[in-house]
N, C-alpha and C. Protein backbone atom coordinates (compact mmCIF):
# COMPACT_ATOMS: atom_id res chain seq x y z
N MET A 1 14.27 -8.14 -15.69
CA MET A 1 15.16 -8.56 -14.63
C MET A 1 14.69 -7.96 -13.31
N PRO A 2 14.87 -8.70 -12.24
CA PRO A 2 14.44 -8.18 -10.93
C PRO A 2 15.43 -7.17 -10.38
N TRP A 3 15.03 -6.51 -9.32
CA TRP A 3 15.94 -5.64 -8.59
C TRP A 3 16.65 -6.50 -7.56
N ILE A 4 17.90 -6.17 -7.26
CA ILE A 4 18.72 -7.02 -6.40
C ILE A 4 19.37 -6.20 -5.28
N ILE A 5 19.83 -6.92 -4.27
CA ILE A 5 20.59 -6.33 -3.18
C ILE A 5 22.07 -6.63 -3.44
N ILE A 6 22.89 -5.60 -3.42
CA ILE A 6 24.33 -5.76 -3.62
C ILE A 6 24.95 -6.21 -2.29
N THR A 7 25.76 -7.26 -2.34
CA THR A 7 26.42 -7.78 -1.14
C THR A 7 27.93 -7.79 -1.33
N THR A 8 28.64 -8.09 -0.27
CA THR A 8 30.09 -8.20 -0.38
C THR A 8 30.49 -9.36 -1.27
N ASP A 9 29.63 -10.37 -1.40
CA ASP A 9 29.92 -11.46 -2.34
C ASP A 9 29.98 -10.94 -3.77
N ASP A 10 29.13 -9.96 -4.09
CA ASP A 10 29.17 -9.35 -5.42
C ASP A 10 30.50 -8.63 -5.64
N LEU A 11 31.02 -8.00 -4.59
CA LEU A 11 32.32 -7.34 -4.70
C LEU A 11 33.42 -8.37 -4.93
N ASN A 12 33.36 -9.48 -4.20
CA ASN A 12 34.35 -10.55 -4.38
C ASN A 12 34.28 -11.15 -5.77
N ASP A 13 33.09 -11.23 -6.34
CA ASP A 13 32.94 -11.76 -7.70
C ASP A 13 33.53 -10.81 -8.73
N ALA A 14 33.48 -9.51 -8.45
CA ALA A 14 33.95 -8.52 -9.41
C ALA A 14 35.45 -8.30 -9.35
N ARG A 15 36.03 -8.48 -8.19
CA ARG A 15 37.47 -8.24 -7.99
C ARG A 15 38.07 -9.40 -7.21
N VAL A 16 39.38 -9.43 -7.16
CA VAL A 16 40.08 -10.45 -6.40
C VAL A 16 39.65 -10.34 -4.94
N ALA A 17 39.28 -11.45 -4.37
CA ALA A 17 38.76 -11.45 -2.99
C ALA A 17 39.76 -10.86 -2.00
N ASP A 18 41.07 -11.08 -2.22
CA ASP A 18 42.08 -10.51 -1.32
C ASP A 18 42.05 -8.99 -1.35
N LEU A 19 41.82 -8.40 -2.53
CA LEU A 19 41.73 -6.94 -2.63
C LEU A 19 40.51 -6.45 -1.87
N VAL A 20 39.38 -7.10 -2.07
CA VAL A 20 38.15 -6.68 -1.39
C VAL A 20 38.31 -6.81 0.12
N THR A 21 38.93 -7.88 0.58
CA THR A 21 39.17 -8.06 2.01
C THR A 21 40.05 -6.94 2.55
N ALA A 22 41.10 -6.59 1.81
CA ALA A 22 41.97 -5.50 2.24
C ALA A 22 41.21 -4.18 2.28
N LEU A 23 40.38 -3.93 1.29
CA LEU A 23 39.61 -2.69 1.25
C LEU A 23 38.64 -2.60 2.43
N ARG A 24 38.18 -3.74 2.89
CA ARG A 24 37.22 -3.77 3.99
C ARG A 24 37.88 -3.72 5.36
N GLU A 25 39.12 -4.23 5.47
CA GLU A 25 39.70 -4.43 6.80
C GLU A 25 40.89 -3.52 7.12
N GLU A 26 41.49 -2.90 6.11
CA GLU A 26 42.67 -2.07 6.36
C GLU A 26 42.29 -0.68 6.85
N ALA A 27 43.18 -0.10 7.64
CA ALA A 27 43.08 1.28 8.11
C ALA A 27 41.78 1.56 8.87
N LEU A 28 41.37 0.62 9.68
CA LEU A 28 40.19 0.83 10.52
C LEU A 28 40.63 1.43 11.85
N GLY A 29 39.86 2.37 12.33
CA GLY A 29 40.13 2.95 13.64
C GLY A 29 39.68 2.00 14.74
N VAL A 30 40.06 2.32 15.96
CA VAL A 30 39.67 1.50 17.10
C VAL A 30 38.15 1.46 17.19
N GLY A 31 37.60 0.27 17.19
CA GLY A 31 36.16 0.11 17.29
C GLY A 31 35.40 0.32 15.99
N GLN A 32 36.12 0.69 14.93
CA GLN A 32 35.44 0.92 13.64
C GLN A 32 35.07 -0.41 13.01
N THR A 33 33.89 -0.47 12.47
CA THR A 33 33.42 -1.69 11.82
C THR A 33 33.70 -1.64 10.33
N ASP A 34 33.47 -2.75 9.68
CA ASP A 34 33.65 -2.87 8.23
C ASP A 34 32.88 -1.75 7.52
N PRO A 35 33.56 -0.92 6.73
CA PRO A 35 32.87 0.18 6.06
C PRO A 35 32.07 -0.25 4.83
N ALA A 36 32.26 -1.48 4.38
CA ALA A 36 31.62 -1.92 3.13
C ALA A 36 30.10 -1.76 3.14
N PRO A 37 29.38 -2.20 4.17
CA PRO A 37 27.92 -2.05 4.13
C PRO A 37 27.47 -0.59 3.99
N ARG A 38 28.17 0.33 4.65
CA ARG A 38 27.80 1.74 4.55
C ARG A 38 28.12 2.30 3.17
N ILE A 39 29.26 1.91 2.62
CA ILE A 39 29.63 2.39 1.28
C ILE A 39 28.67 1.81 0.25
N ILE A 40 28.33 0.54 0.39
CA ILE A 40 27.36 -0.08 -0.53
C ILE A 40 26.06 0.70 -0.50
N GLN A 41 25.54 0.99 0.69
CA GLN A 41 24.26 1.69 0.78
C GLN A 41 24.35 3.11 0.24
N THR A 42 25.48 3.77 0.42
CA THR A 42 25.66 5.12 -0.10
C THR A 42 25.57 5.14 -1.62
N VAL A 43 26.23 4.18 -2.27
CA VAL A 43 26.20 4.11 -3.73
C VAL A 43 24.80 3.71 -4.21
N VAL A 44 24.19 2.75 -3.53
CA VAL A 44 22.82 2.33 -3.89
C VAL A 44 21.87 3.53 -3.77
N ASP A 45 21.99 4.29 -2.71
CA ASP A 45 21.14 5.48 -2.53
C ASP A 45 21.34 6.49 -3.66
N GLU A 46 22.60 6.68 -4.06
CA GLU A 46 22.89 7.62 -5.15
C GLU A 46 22.20 7.20 -6.45
N VAL A 47 22.29 5.92 -6.77
CA VAL A 47 21.66 5.41 -8.00
C VAL A 47 20.14 5.50 -7.89
N ARG A 48 19.58 5.15 -6.75
CA ARG A 48 18.13 5.21 -6.57
C ARG A 48 17.60 6.64 -6.68
N ARG A 49 18.36 7.61 -6.14
CA ARG A 49 17.94 9.01 -6.27
C ARG A 49 17.88 9.44 -7.73
N CYS A 50 18.84 8.99 -8.52
CA CYS A 50 18.83 9.34 -9.94
C CYS A 50 17.65 8.68 -10.65
N ILE A 51 17.37 7.43 -10.33
CA ILE A 51 16.23 6.73 -10.93
C ILE A 51 14.93 7.44 -10.55
N ALA A 52 14.85 7.94 -9.34
CA ALA A 52 13.63 8.59 -8.85
C ALA A 52 13.26 9.83 -9.65
N PHE A 53 14.22 10.42 -10.35
CA PHE A 53 13.92 11.59 -11.17
C PHE A 53 13.00 11.24 -12.34
N CYS A 54 13.00 9.99 -12.76
CA CYS A 54 12.18 9.57 -13.90
C CYS A 54 10.81 9.13 -13.38
N PRO A 55 9.77 9.90 -13.69
CA PRO A 55 8.44 9.60 -13.13
C PRO A 55 7.85 8.28 -13.61
N ASN A 56 8.33 7.76 -14.73
CA ASN A 56 7.78 6.51 -15.27
C ASN A 56 8.41 5.27 -14.66
N THR A 57 9.44 5.44 -13.85
CA THR A 57 10.12 4.30 -13.26
C THR A 57 10.02 4.36 -11.75
N PRO A 58 9.15 3.57 -11.16
CA PRO A 58 9.05 3.58 -9.70
C PRO A 58 10.25 2.87 -9.07
N LEU A 59 10.54 3.20 -7.85
CA LEU A 59 11.60 2.53 -7.10
C LEU A 59 11.05 1.28 -6.45
N ASP A 60 11.93 0.35 -6.13
CA ASP A 60 11.53 -0.83 -5.38
C ASP A 60 11.29 -0.42 -3.93
N ALA A 61 10.36 -1.09 -3.29
CA ALA A 61 10.02 -0.77 -1.90
C ALA A 61 11.20 -1.02 -0.96
N ASP A 62 12.08 -1.94 -1.31
CA ASP A 62 13.27 -2.24 -0.50
C ASP A 62 14.36 -1.24 -0.85
N ALA A 63 14.73 -0.38 0.09
CA ALA A 63 15.70 0.69 -0.16
C ALA A 63 17.11 0.17 -0.43
N ALA A 64 17.35 -1.12 -0.25
CA ALA A 64 18.67 -1.69 -0.50
C ALA A 64 18.80 -2.26 -1.91
N LYS A 65 17.72 -2.21 -2.69
CA LYS A 65 17.73 -2.83 -4.02
C LYS A 65 17.97 -1.84 -5.14
N VAL A 66 18.69 -2.34 -6.16
CA VAL A 66 18.90 -1.60 -7.41
C VAL A 66 18.54 -2.53 -8.56
N PRO A 67 18.27 -1.98 -9.74
CA PRO A 67 17.98 -2.84 -10.88
C PRO A 67 19.16 -3.76 -11.19
N ALA A 68 18.86 -5.02 -11.49
CA ALA A 68 19.91 -5.99 -11.78
C ALA A 68 20.75 -5.55 -12.98
N GLY A 69 20.14 -4.84 -13.91
CA GLY A 69 20.87 -4.36 -15.08
C GLY A 69 21.94 -3.33 -14.76
N LEU A 70 21.89 -2.75 -13.57
CA LEU A 70 22.89 -1.76 -13.16
C LEU A 70 23.90 -2.34 -12.17
N LYS A 71 23.83 -3.64 -11.94
CA LYS A 71 24.68 -4.28 -10.93
C LYS A 71 26.16 -4.01 -11.17
N ASP A 72 26.65 -4.26 -12.36
CA ASP A 72 28.08 -4.10 -12.63
C ASP A 72 28.52 -2.66 -12.38
N MET A 73 27.72 -1.71 -12.85
CA MET A 73 28.03 -0.30 -12.67
C MET A 73 28.12 0.04 -11.18
N VAL A 74 27.18 -0.44 -10.40
CA VAL A 74 27.12 -0.15 -8.97
C VAL A 74 28.29 -0.82 -8.24
N VAL A 75 28.56 -2.07 -8.55
CA VAL A 75 29.64 -2.80 -7.88
C VAL A 75 30.99 -2.14 -8.15
N GLN A 76 31.22 -1.77 -9.41
CA GLN A 76 32.49 -1.12 -9.74
C GLN A 76 32.64 0.22 -9.02
N LYS A 77 31.55 0.98 -8.89
CA LYS A 77 31.59 2.25 -8.17
C LYS A 77 31.91 2.01 -6.69
N ILE A 78 31.34 0.98 -6.12
CA ILE A 78 31.61 0.66 -4.71
C ILE A 78 33.10 0.37 -4.51
N VAL A 79 33.67 -0.44 -5.40
CA VAL A 79 35.09 -0.77 -5.29
C VAL A 79 35.95 0.49 -5.43
N ARG A 80 35.61 1.35 -6.38
CA ARG A 80 36.38 2.59 -6.55
C ARG A 80 36.28 3.47 -5.30
N THR A 81 35.11 3.54 -4.71
CA THR A 81 34.92 4.33 -3.50
C THR A 81 35.73 3.75 -2.34
N MET A 82 35.76 2.44 -2.24
CA MET A 82 36.53 1.80 -1.17
C MET A 82 38.02 2.02 -1.38
N LYS A 83 38.47 2.02 -2.62
CA LYS A 83 39.89 2.28 -2.90
C LYS A 83 40.25 3.72 -2.51
N LYS A 84 39.35 4.65 -2.81
CA LYS A 84 39.61 6.05 -2.46
C LYS A 84 39.71 6.22 -0.95
N ARG A 85 38.95 5.44 -0.21
CA ARG A 85 39.00 5.51 1.25
C ARG A 85 40.40 5.22 1.75
N LEU A 86 41.10 4.32 1.07
CA LEU A 86 42.47 3.96 1.47
C LEU A 86 43.52 4.78 0.71
N LEU A 87 43.06 5.82 0.01
CA LEU A 87 43.94 6.69 -0.77
C LEU A 87 44.71 5.93 -1.85
N MET A 88 44.08 4.88 -2.39
CA MET A 88 44.69 4.11 -3.48
C MET A 88 44.35 4.79 -4.79
N ALA A 89 45.34 4.89 -5.66
CA ALA A 89 45.12 5.50 -6.97
C ALA A 89 44.26 4.58 -7.83
N LEU A 90 43.40 5.19 -8.63
CA LEU A 90 42.59 4.42 -9.56
C LEU A 90 43.40 4.13 -10.81
N THR A 91 43.16 2.97 -11.40
CA THR A 91 43.81 2.64 -12.67
C THR A 91 43.17 3.49 -13.77
N ASP A 92 43.78 3.48 -14.96
CA ASP A 92 43.20 4.22 -16.08
C ASP A 92 41.81 3.70 -16.41
N ASP A 93 41.65 2.37 -16.37
CA ASP A 93 40.33 1.78 -16.64
C ASP A 93 39.31 2.23 -15.60
N GLU A 94 39.72 2.28 -14.35
CA GLU A 94 38.80 2.71 -13.29
C GLU A 94 38.43 4.18 -13.45
N SER A 95 39.37 4.99 -13.87
CA SER A 95 39.07 6.41 -14.11
C SER A 95 38.07 6.55 -15.26
N SER A 96 38.25 5.76 -16.31
CA SER A 96 37.30 5.77 -17.42
C SER A 96 35.93 5.29 -16.97
N ASP A 97 35.94 4.24 -16.13
CA ASP A 97 34.68 3.71 -15.60
C ASP A 97 33.96 4.77 -14.76
N GLU A 98 34.71 5.59 -14.02
CA GLU A 98 34.10 6.64 -13.20
C GLU A 98 33.42 7.68 -14.08
N SER A 99 34.07 8.04 -15.19
CA SER A 99 33.45 9.00 -16.12
C SER A 99 32.18 8.42 -16.72
N LEU A 100 32.24 7.15 -17.11
CA LEU A 100 31.07 6.48 -17.66
C LEU A 100 29.95 6.40 -16.62
N TYR A 101 30.31 6.12 -15.38
CA TYR A 101 29.33 6.05 -14.28
C TYR A 101 28.60 7.38 -14.14
N GLN A 102 29.34 8.49 -14.15
CA GLN A 102 28.73 9.81 -14.02
C GLN A 102 27.79 10.10 -15.20
N LYS A 103 28.18 9.70 -16.40
CA LYS A 103 27.33 9.91 -17.58
C LYS A 103 26.05 9.09 -17.47
N ARG A 104 26.19 7.86 -16.98
CA ARG A 104 24.99 7.02 -16.82
C ARG A 104 24.05 7.58 -15.76
N LEU A 105 24.61 8.13 -14.70
CA LEU A 105 23.75 8.76 -13.69
C LEU A 105 22.97 9.92 -14.30
N GLU A 106 23.65 10.70 -15.13
CA GLU A 106 22.97 11.82 -15.79
C GLU A 106 21.85 11.31 -16.68
N LYS A 107 22.10 10.22 -17.40
CA LYS A 107 21.07 9.64 -18.27
C LYS A 107 19.90 9.09 -17.45
N LEU A 108 20.21 8.51 -16.30
CA LEU A 108 19.13 8.01 -15.44
C LEU A 108 18.22 9.14 -14.97
N THR A 109 18.80 10.29 -14.67
CA THR A 109 17.99 11.39 -14.16
C THR A 109 17.07 11.99 -15.20
N VAL A 110 17.39 11.80 -16.49
CA VAL A 110 16.54 12.35 -17.56
C VAL A 110 15.82 11.24 -18.33
N CYS A 111 15.73 10.06 -17.73
CA CYS A 111 14.97 8.93 -18.29
C CYS A 111 15.53 8.45 -19.63
N GLU A 112 16.83 8.57 -19.85
CA GLU A 112 17.43 8.13 -21.10
C GLU A 112 18.22 6.84 -20.95
N TRP A 113 18.14 6.20 -19.81
CA TRP A 113 18.81 4.92 -19.60
C TRP A 113 17.74 3.93 -19.15
N PRO A 114 17.62 2.78 -19.83
CA PRO A 114 16.55 1.85 -19.47
C PRO A 114 16.74 1.25 -18.08
N VAL A 115 15.65 1.17 -17.35
CA VAL A 115 15.65 0.61 -16.00
C VAL A 115 14.51 -0.38 -15.90
N ASP A 116 14.83 -1.57 -15.39
CA ASP A 116 13.80 -2.59 -15.22
C ASP A 116 12.80 -2.17 -14.16
N LYS A 117 11.57 -2.61 -14.34
CA LYS A 117 10.53 -2.34 -13.35
C LYS A 117 10.79 -3.20 -12.12
N PRO A 118 10.59 -2.67 -10.93
CA PRO A 118 10.83 -3.44 -9.71
C PRO A 118 9.73 -4.48 -9.46
N ASP A 119 10.08 -5.49 -8.68
CA ASP A 119 9.11 -6.53 -8.32
C ASP A 119 8.07 -5.98 -7.35
N THR A 120 8.50 -5.15 -6.43
CA THR A 120 7.60 -4.55 -5.43
C THR A 120 7.75 -3.03 -5.49
N PRO A 121 7.10 -2.40 -6.46
CA PRO A 121 7.27 -0.95 -6.61
C PRO A 121 6.63 -0.17 -5.47
N ILE A 122 7.23 0.97 -5.21
CA ILE A 122 6.64 1.89 -4.24
C ILE A 122 5.44 2.53 -4.92
N ALA A 123 4.32 2.54 -4.23
CA ALA A 123 3.13 3.17 -4.79
C ALA A 123 3.36 4.67 -4.85
N ILE A 124 3.15 5.21 -6.02
CA ILE A 124 3.34 6.65 -6.21
C ILE A 124 2.00 7.33 -6.00
N ALA A 125 1.97 8.26 -5.07
CA ALA A 125 0.73 8.99 -4.80
C ALA A 125 0.45 9.94 -5.96
N PRO A 126 -0.80 10.03 -6.37
CA PRO A 126 -1.12 10.95 -7.46
C PRO A 126 -0.89 12.39 -7.03
N VAL A 127 -0.49 13.19 -7.98
CA VAL A 127 -0.26 14.60 -7.69
C VAL A 127 -1.60 15.30 -7.62
N VAL A 128 -1.84 15.97 -6.52
CA VAL A 128 -3.09 16.68 -6.32
C VAL A 128 -2.80 18.17 -6.38
N ASN A 129 -3.53 18.85 -7.25
CA ASN A 129 -3.36 20.29 -7.33
C ASN A 129 -4.01 20.94 -6.12
N PRO A 130 -3.33 21.89 -5.52
CA PRO A 130 -3.93 22.55 -4.36
C PRO A 130 -5.16 23.34 -4.78
N ALA A 131 -6.08 23.48 -3.84
CA ALA A 131 -7.31 24.23 -4.13
C ALA A 131 -6.95 25.67 -4.48
N SER A 132 -7.73 26.22 -5.37
CA SER A 132 -7.50 27.61 -5.75
C SER A 132 -7.83 28.52 -4.58
N THR A 133 -7.05 29.55 -4.44
CA THR A 133 -7.34 30.53 -3.40
C THR A 133 -8.07 31.69 -4.04
N PRO A 134 -9.05 32.24 -3.35
CA PRO A 134 -9.79 33.34 -3.95
C PRO A 134 -8.90 34.57 -4.10
N ALA A 135 -9.11 35.27 -5.17
CA ALA A 135 -8.36 36.50 -5.40
C ALA A 135 -9.20 37.67 -4.92
N ILE A 136 -8.63 38.48 -4.09
CA ILE A 136 -9.32 39.66 -3.59
C ILE A 136 -8.74 40.87 -4.31
N THR A 137 -9.61 41.52 -5.04
CA THR A 137 -9.15 42.70 -5.78
C THR A 137 -9.95 43.91 -5.34
N PRO A 138 -9.29 45.02 -5.17
CA PRO A 138 -10.00 46.23 -4.74
C PRO A 138 -10.81 46.81 -5.90
N LYS A 139 -11.88 47.54 -5.52
CA LYS A 139 -12.68 48.23 -6.54
C LYS A 139 -11.88 49.42 -7.05
N ASP A 140 -12.12 49.75 -8.28
CA ASP A 140 -11.49 50.94 -8.83
C ASP A 140 -12.12 52.16 -8.16
N ARG A 141 -11.33 53.05 -7.71
CA ARG A 141 -11.83 54.26 -7.06
C ARG A 141 -11.75 55.42 -8.06
N GLN A 142 -12.85 56.04 -8.21
CA GLN A 142 -12.88 57.21 -9.09
C GLN A 142 -13.34 58.42 -8.28
N ALA A 143 -12.59 59.44 -8.41
CA ALA A 143 -12.97 60.68 -7.72
C ALA A 143 -13.99 61.42 -8.58
N THR A 144 -15.18 61.59 -8.01
CA THR A 144 -16.23 62.36 -8.69
C THR A 144 -16.69 63.46 -7.75
N ARG A 145 -17.51 64.39 -8.28
CA ARG A 145 -18.02 65.46 -7.42
C ARG A 145 -18.84 64.87 -6.28
N ALA A 146 -19.60 63.80 -6.57
CA ALA A 146 -20.46 63.22 -5.53
C ALA A 146 -19.61 62.53 -4.45
N SER A 147 -18.58 61.79 -4.87
CA SER A 147 -17.77 61.09 -3.88
C SER A 147 -16.84 62.02 -3.12
N MET A 148 -16.55 63.14 -3.70
CA MET A 148 -15.66 64.10 -3.05
C MET A 148 -16.45 65.22 -2.36
N ASP A 149 -17.74 65.01 -2.16
CA ASP A 149 -18.59 66.02 -1.54
C ASP A 149 -18.01 66.45 -0.20
N GLY A 150 -17.81 67.67 -0.06
CA GLY A 150 -17.30 68.19 1.19
C GLY A 150 -15.83 68.55 1.12
N PHE A 151 -15.16 68.21 0.07
CA PHE A 151 -13.75 68.60 -0.03
C PHE A 151 -13.59 69.83 -0.83
């Protein structure tokens, strides 16, 4: 499966559109814009950071993309985060989903959750060992009659 960009349409597909609209438009300060794009990117960044811990799974070059297989997990986290912004209580199912989300993030960081390869992976630079630095060690000093001549 390809990596995808999460949009507000994905949020509307996951939840009632009226709820998503309220989460996006309620309690905005003067001049404040829709918080959804920023919240979406915050959650996407969190998931991508966890994926980055696994050296065998490169990230997609587009920083807005996540694996399609993680779409539901990411969308549900975004909705929960938006609800918290409005101080809305999470349902029991949402609380369970949050626990599952945290466990999946832990599995992603230790390469125990499968992740699809991206269409446009970021090239990973090979690890280069730094050049060895010479070790300077002093000579052993031994006090002998010849070296102590004059004392």
